[in-house]
Amino acid sequence: MGPIESSEVICPYCGETIEHLLDPGGGEIQEYVEDCEVCCRPWSVRVRYDPETGLDVRVERADE
């Protein structure tokens, strides 16, 4: 199985489920701001790749 390159997340503003593209080559822990594809509001995204526990993707409102 190759690296995971996307994950489904729920927008903390509009509640839509969105397939979020990931960059496995960006490091084990990544933090960045990205806009929702549906409502265009900013998310704070935290991605963690862990060989033991797998992938953890969290999105929160960036304006808080």
PDB file of N, CA and C in Angstrom:
ATOM      1  N   MET A   1       0.837  -1.180   0.000  1.00  0.00           N
ATOM      2  CA  MET A   1       0.000   0.000   0.000  1.00  0.00           C
ATOM      3  C   MET A   1       0.879   1.238   0.000  1.00  0.00           C
ATOM      4  N   GLY A   2       0.605   2.184  -0.877  1.00  0.00           N
ATOM      5  CA  GLY A   2       1.374   3.416  -0.979  1.00  0.00           C
ATOM      6  C   GLY A   2       0.915   4.422   0.059  1.00  0.00           C
ATOM      7  N   PRO A   3       1.569   5.579   0.092  1.00  0.00           N
ATOM      8  CA  PRO A   3       1.188   6.597   1.068  1.00  0.00           C
ATOM      9  C   PRO A   3      -0.220   7.127   0.817  1.00  0.00           C
ATOM     10  N   ILE A   4      -0.897   7.478   1.887  1.00  0.00           N
ATOM     11  CA  ILE A   4      -2.242   8.049   1.786  1.00  0.00           C
ATOM     12  C   ILE A   4      -2.106   9.465   1.250  1.00  0.00           C
ATOM     13  N   GLU A   5      -2.861   9.807   0.234  1.00  0.00           N
ATOM     14  CA  GLU A   5      -2.739  11.118  -0.387  1.00  0.00           C
ATOM     15  C   GLU A   5      -3.990  11.959  -0.248  1.00  0.00           C
ATOM     16  N   SER A   6      -5.032  11.433   0.406  1.00  0.00           N
ATOM     17  CA  SER A   6      -6.233  12.225   0.656  1.00  0.00           C
ATOM     18  C   SER A   6      -6.936  11.689   1.898  1.00  0.00           C
ATOM     19  N   SER A   7      -7.774  12.527   2.468  1.00  0.00           N
ATOM     20  CA  SER A   7      -8.537  12.151   3.643  1.00  0.00           C
ATOM     21  C   SER A   7      -9.851  12.925   3.608  1.00  0.00           C
ATOM     22  N   GLU A   8     -10.933  12.312   4.049  1.00  0.00           N
ATOM     23  CA  GLU A   8     -12.198  13.028   4.135  1.00  0.00           C
ATOM     24  C   GLU A   8     -12.239  13.795   5.445  1.00  0.00           C
ATOM     25  N   VAL A   9     -12.580  15.075   5.357  1.00  0.00           N
ATOM     26  CA  VAL A   9     -12.713  15.923   6.536  1.00  0.00           C
ATOM     27  C   VAL A   9     -14.061  16.629   6.475  1.00  0.00           C
ATOM     28  N   ILE A  10     -14.525  17.097   7.619  1.00  0.00           N
ATOM     29  CA  ILE A  10     -15.774  17.853   7.684  1.00  0.00           C
ATOM     30  C   ILE A  10     -15.437  19.298   7.992  1.00  0.00           C
ATOM     31  N   CYS A  11     -15.923  20.204   7.154  1.00  0.00           N
ATOM     32  CA  CYS A  11     -15.662  21.626   7.345  1.00  0.00           C
ATOM     33  C   CYS A  11     -16.284  22.081   8.663  1.00  0.00           C
ATOM     34  N   PRO A  12     -15.502  22.751   9.522  1.00  0.00           N
ATOM     35  CA  PRO A  12     -16.041  23.212  10.798  1.00  0.00           C
ATOM     36  C   PRO A  12     -16.999  24.395  10.662  1.00  0.00           C
ATOM     37  N   TYR A  13     -17.128  24.952   9.467  1.00  0.00           N
ATOM     38  CA  TYR A  13     -18.050  26.067   9.223  1.00  0.00           C
ATOM     39  C   TYR A  13     -19.358  25.590   8.597  1.00  0.00           C
ATOM     40  N   CYS A  14     -19.266  24.962   7.424  1.00  0.00           N
ATOM     41  CA  CYS A  14     -20.473  24.617   6.670  1.00  0.00           C
ATOM     42  C   CYS A  14     -20.920  23.167   6.860  1.00  0.00           C
ATOM     43  N   GLY A  15     -20.081  22.328   7.459  1.00  0.00           N
ATOM     44  CA  GLY A  15     -20.460  20.949   7.738  1.00  0.00           C
ATOM     45  C   GLY A  15     -20.356  19.996   6.561  1.00  0.00           C
ATOM     46  N   GLU A  16     -19.869  20.466   5.421  1.00  0.00           N
ATOM     47  CA  GLU A  16     -19.720  19.597   4.241  1.00  0.00           C
ATOM     48  C   GLU A  16     -18.547  18.631   4.428  1.00  0.00           C
ATOM     49  N   THR A  17     -18.707  17.412   3.937  1.00  0.00           N
ATOM     50  CA  THR A  17     -17.621  16.443   3.915  1.00  0.00           C
ATOM     51  C   THR A  17     -16.830  16.659   2.633  1.00  0.00           C
ATOM     52  N   ILE A  18     -15.525  16.825   2.771  1.00  0.00           N
ATOM     53  CA  ILE A  18     -14.669  17.177   1.641  1.00  0.00           C
ATOM     54  C   ILE A  18     -13.475  16.242   1.603  1.00  0.00           C
ATOM     55  N   GLU A  19     -13.106  15.795   0.400  1.00  0.00           N
ATOM     56  CA  GLU A  19     -11.890  15.013   0.240  1.00  0.00           C
ATOM     57  C   GLU A  19     -10.721  15.983   0.206  1.00  0.00           C
ATOM     58  N   HIS A  20      -9.896  15.930   1.247  1.00  0.00           N
ATOM     59  CA  HIS A  20      -8.780  16.860   1.410  1.00  0.00           C
ATOM     60  C   HIS A  20      -7.502  16.190   0.933  1.00  0.00           C
ATOM     61  N   LEU A  21      -6.811  16.820  -0.017  1.00  0.00           N
ATOM     62  CA  LEU A  21      -5.558  16.264  -0.541  1.00  0.00           C
ATOM     63  C   LEU A  21      -4.422  16.511   0.436  1.00  0.00           C
ATOM     64  N   LEU A  22      -3.568  15.506   0.600  1.00  0.00           N
ATOM     65  CA  LEU A  22      -2.452  15.560   1.543  1.00  0.00           C
ATOM     66  C   LEU A  22      -1.123  15.442   0.815  1.00  0.00           C
ATOM     67  N   ASP A  23      -0.057  15.888   1.472  1.00  0.00           N
ATOM     68  CA  ASP A  23       1.290  15.791   0.930  1.00  0.00           C
ATOM     69  C   ASP A  23       2.138  14.918   1.850  1.00  0.00           C
ATOM     70  N   PRO A  24       2.202  13.591   1.603  1.00  0.00           N
ATOM     71  CA  PRO A  24       2.970  12.700   2.465  1.00  0.00           C
ATOM     72  C   PRO A  24       4.452  13.067   2.539  1.00  0.00           C
ATOM     73  N   GLY A  25       4.978  13.742   1.531  1.00  0.00           N
ATOM     74  CA  GLY A  25       6.378  14.136   1.515  1.00  0.00           C
ATOM     75  C   GLY A  25       6.668  15.391   2.323  1.00  0.00           C
ATOM     76  N   GLY A  26       5.630  15.992   2.917  1.00  0.00           N
ATOM     77  CA  GLY A  26       5.791  17.234   3.658  1.00  0.00           C
ATOM     78  C   GLY A  26       6.243  17.064   5.096  1.00  0.00           C
ATOM     79  N   GLY A  27       6.469  15.843   5.530  1.00  0.00           N
ATOM     80  CA  GLY A  27       6.931  15.588   6.891  1.00  0.00           C
ATOM     81  C   GLY A  27       5.892  14.848   7.712  1.00  0.00           C
ATOM     82  N   GLU A  28       6.342  14.334   8.862  1.00  0.00           N
ATOM     83  CA  GLU A  28       5.457  13.552   9.724  1.00  0.00           C
ATOM     84  C   GLU A  28       4.387  14.405  10.390  1.00  0.00           C
ATOM     85  N   ILE A  29       4.708  15.665  10.712  1.00  0.00           N
ATOM     86  CA  ILE A  29       3.739  16.588  11.305  1.00  0.00           C
ATOM     87  C   ILE A  29       3.675  17.827  10.435  1.00  0.00           C
ATOM     88  N   GLN A  30       2.466  18.188  10.026  1.00  0.00           N
ATOM     89  CA  GLN A  30       2.261  19.347   9.161  1.00  0.00           C
ATOM     90  C   GLN A  30       1.153  20.206   9.743  1.00  0.00           C
ATOM     91  N   GLU A  31       1.342  21.521   9.708  1.00  0.00           N
ATOM     92  CA  GLU A  31       0.320  22.466  10.140  1.00  0.00           C
ATOM     93  C   GLU A  31       0.260  23.591   9.122  1.00  0.00           C
ATOM     94  N   TYR A  32      -0.945  23.893   8.654  1.00  0.00           N
ATOM     95  CA  TYR A  32      -1.104  24.950   7.656  1.00  0.00           C
ATOM     96  C   TYR A  32      -2.546  25.418   7.626  1.00  0.00           C
ATOM     97  N   VAL A  33      -2.806  26.524   6.933  1.00  0.00           N
ATOM     98  CA  VAL A  33      -4.155  27.063   6.768  1.00  0.00           C
ATOM     99  C   VAL A  33      -4.568  26.842   5.321  1.00  0.00           C
ATOM    100  N   GLU A  34      -5.800  26.364   5.144  1.00  0.00           N
ATOM    101  CA  GLU A  34      -6.326  26.118   3.802  1.00  0.00           C
ATOM    102  C   GLU A  34      -7.814  26.472   3.808  1.00  0.00           C
ATOM    103  N   ASP A  35      -8.310  26.971   2.688  1.00  0.00           N
ATOM    104  CA  ASP A  35      -9.715  27.351   2.590  1.00  0.00           C
ATOM    105  C   ASP A  35     -10.591  26.167   2.204  1.00  0.00           C
ATOM    106  N   CYS A  36     -11.818  26.136   2.742  1.00  0.00           N
ATOM    107  CA  CYS A  36     -12.815  25.131   2.381  1.00  0.00           C
ATOM    108  C   CYS A  36     -13.171  25.304   0.907  1.00  0.00           C
ATOM    109  N   GLU A  37     -13.270  24.198   0.190  1.00  0.00           N
ATOM    110  CA  GLU A  37     -13.639  24.240  -1.228  1.00  0.00           C
ATOM    111  C   GLU A  37     -15.092  24.660  -1.437  1.00  0.00           C
ATOM    112  N   VAL A  38     -15.931  24.512  -0.415  1.00  0.00           N
ATOM    113  CA  VAL A  38     -17.357  24.808  -0.547  1.00  0.00           C
ATOM    114  C   VAL A  38     -17.670  26.230  -0.100  1.00  0.00           C
ATOM    115  N   CYS A  39     -17.309  26.589   1.151  1.00  0.00           N
ATOM    116  CA  CYS A  39     -17.697  27.896   1.690  1.00  0.00           C
ATOM    117  C   CYS A  39     -16.553  28.917   1.698  1.00  0.00           C
ATOM    118  N   CYS A  40     -15.350  28.496   1.337  1.00  0.00           N
ATOM    119  CA  CYS A  40     -14.167  29.364   1.199  1.00  0.00           C
ATOM    120  C   CYS A  40     -13.676  29.967   2.516  1.00  0.00           C
ATOM    121  N   ARG A  41     -14.099  29.436   3.660  1.00  0.00           N
ATOM    122  CA  ARG A  41     -13.617  29.942   4.938  1.00  0.00           C
ATOM    123  C   ARG A  41     -12.355  29.178   5.327  1.00  0.00           C
ATOM    124  N   PRO A  42     -11.452  29.812   6.096  1.00  0.00           N
ATOM    125  CA  PRO A  42     -10.146  29.210   6.381  1.00  0.00           C
ATOM    126  C   PRO A  42     -10.173  28.148   7.483  1.00  0.00           C
ATOM    127  N   TRP A  43      -9.500  27.046   7.197  1.00  0.00           N
ATOM    128  CA  TRP A  43      -9.294  25.983   8.178  1.00  0.00           C
ATOM    129  C   TRP A  43      -7.874  26.049   8.688  1.00  0.00           C
ATOM    130  N   SER A  44      -7.677  25.660   9.917  1.00  0.00           N
ATOM    131  CA  SER A  44      -6.361  25.342  10.451  1.00  0.00           C
ATOM    132  C   SER A  44      -6.258  23.823  10.357  1.00  0.00           C
ATOM    133  N   VAL A  45      -5.309  23.338   9.573  1.00  0.00           N
ATOM    134  CA  VAL A  45      -5.178  21.904   9.306  1.00  0.00           C
ATOM    135  C   VAL A  45      -3.946  21.371  10.036  1.00  0.00           C
ATOM    136  N   ARG A  46      -4.108  20.242  10.715  1.00  0.00           N
ATOM    137  CA  ARG A  46      -2.978  19.557  11.356  1.00  0.00           C
ATOM    138  C   ARG A  46      -2.994  18.114  10.873  1.00  0.00           C
ATOM    139  N   VAL A  47      -1.884  17.701  10.279  1.00  0.00           N
ATOM    140  CA  VAL A  47      -1.742  16.349   9.748  1.00  0.00           C
ATOM    141  C   VAL A  47      -0.585  15.682  10.482  1.00  0.00           C
ATOM    142  N   ARG A  48      -0.815  14.447  10.907  1.00  0.00           N
ATOM    143  CA  ARG A  48       0.241  13.689  11.573  1.00  0.00           C
ATOM    144  C   ARG A  48       0.303  12.294  10.965  1.00  0.00           C
ATOM    145  N   TYR A  49       1.475  11.946  10.447  1.00  0.00           N
ATOM    146  CA  TYR A  49       1.723  10.598   9.933  1.00  0.00           C
ATOM    147  C   TYR A  49       2.498   9.843  10.999  1.00  0.00           C
ATOM    148  N   ASP A  50       1.945   8.728  11.456  1.00  0.00           N
ATOM    149  CA  ASP A  50       2.602   7.924  12.476  1.00  0.00           C
ATOM    150  C   ASP A  50       2.585   6.474  12.016  1.00  0.00           C
ATOM    151  N   PRO A  51       3.763   5.844  11.906  1.00  0.00           N
ATOM    152  CA  PRO A  51       3.801   4.462  11.421  1.00  0.00           C
ATOM    153  C   PRO A  51       3.049   3.483  12.321  1.00  0.00           C
ATOM    154  N   GLU A  52       2.898   3.795  13.609  1.00  0.00           N
ATOM    155  CA  GLU A  52       2.219   2.882  14.526  1.00  0.00           C
ATOM    156  C   GLU A  52       0.710   3.119  14.570  1.00  0.00           C
ATOM    157  N   THR A  53       0.289   4.379  14.626  1.00  0.00           N
ATOM    158  CA  THR A  53      -1.141   4.665  14.772  1.00  0.00           C
ATOM    159  C   THR A  53      -1.806   5.079  13.472  1.00  0.00           C
ATOM    160  N   GLY A  54      -1.038   5.329  12.429  1.00  0.00           N
ATOM    161  CA  GLY A  54      -1.602   5.699  11.140  1.00  0.00           C
ATOM    162  C   GLY A  54      -1.704   7.200  10.957  1.00  0.00           C
ATOM    163  N   LEU A  55      -2.666   7.604  10.175  1.00  0.00           N
ATOM    164  CA  LEU A  55      -2.846   8.997   9.787  1.00  0.00           C
ATOM    165  C   LEU A  55      -3.870   9.677  10.680  1.00  0.00           C
ATOM    166  N   ASP A  56      -3.567  10.903  11.114  1.00  0.00           N
ATOM    167  CA  ASP A  56      -4.508  11.710  11.894  1.00  0.00           C
ATOM    168  C   ASP A  56      -4.598  13.077  11.228  1.00  0.00           C
ATOM    169  N   VAL A  57      -5.800  13.446  10.756  1.00  0.00           N
ATOM    170  CA  VAL A  57      -6.028  14.744  10.110  1.00  0.00           C
ATOM    171  C   VAL A  57      -7.099  15.474  10.903  1.00  0.00           C
ATOM    172  N   ARG A  58      -6.797  16.701  11.322  1.00  0.00           N
ATOM    173  CA  ARG A  58      -7.757  17.511  12.073  1.00  0.00           C
ATOM    174  C   ARG A  58      -7.894  18.878  11.417  1.00  0.00           C
ATOM    175  N   VAL A  59      -9.127  19.345  11.301  1.00  0.00           N
ATOM    176  CA  VAL A  59      -9.386  20.689  10.787  1.00  0.00           C
ATOM    177  C   VAL A  59     -10.214  21.451  11.823  1.00  0.00           C
ATOM    178  N   GLU A  60      -9.841  22.700  12.044  1.00  0.00           N
ATOM    179  CA  GLU A  60     -10.543  23.567  12.972  1.00  0.00           C
ATOM    180  C   GLU A  60     -10.717  24.922  12.326  1.00  0.00           C
ATOM    181  N   ARG A  61     -11.590  25.735  12.874  1.00  0.00           N
ATOM    182  CA  ARG A  61     -11.750  27.097  12.382  1.00  0.00           C
ATOM    183  C   ARG A  61     -10.444  27.860  12.573  1.00  0.00           C
ATOM    184  N   ALA A  62      -9.984  28.522  11.540  1.00  0.00           N
ATOM    185  CA  ALA A  62      -8.723  29.250  11.614  1.00  0.00           C
ATOM    186  C   ALA A  62      -8.881  30.614  12.253  1.00  0.00           C
ATOM    187  N   ASP A  63     -10.112  31.094  12.376  1.00  0.00           N
ATOM    188  CA  ASP A  63     -10.318  32.441  12.913  1.00  0.00           C
ATOM    189  C   ASP A  63     -10.506  32.451  14.429  1.00  0.00           C
ATOM    190  N   GLU A  64     -10.296  31.315  15.081  1.00  0.00           N
ATOM    191  CA  GLU A  64     -10.467  31.259  16.544  1.00  0.00           C
ATOM    192  C   GLU A  64      -9.148  31.249  17.242  1.00  0.00           C
TER     193      GLU A  64
END
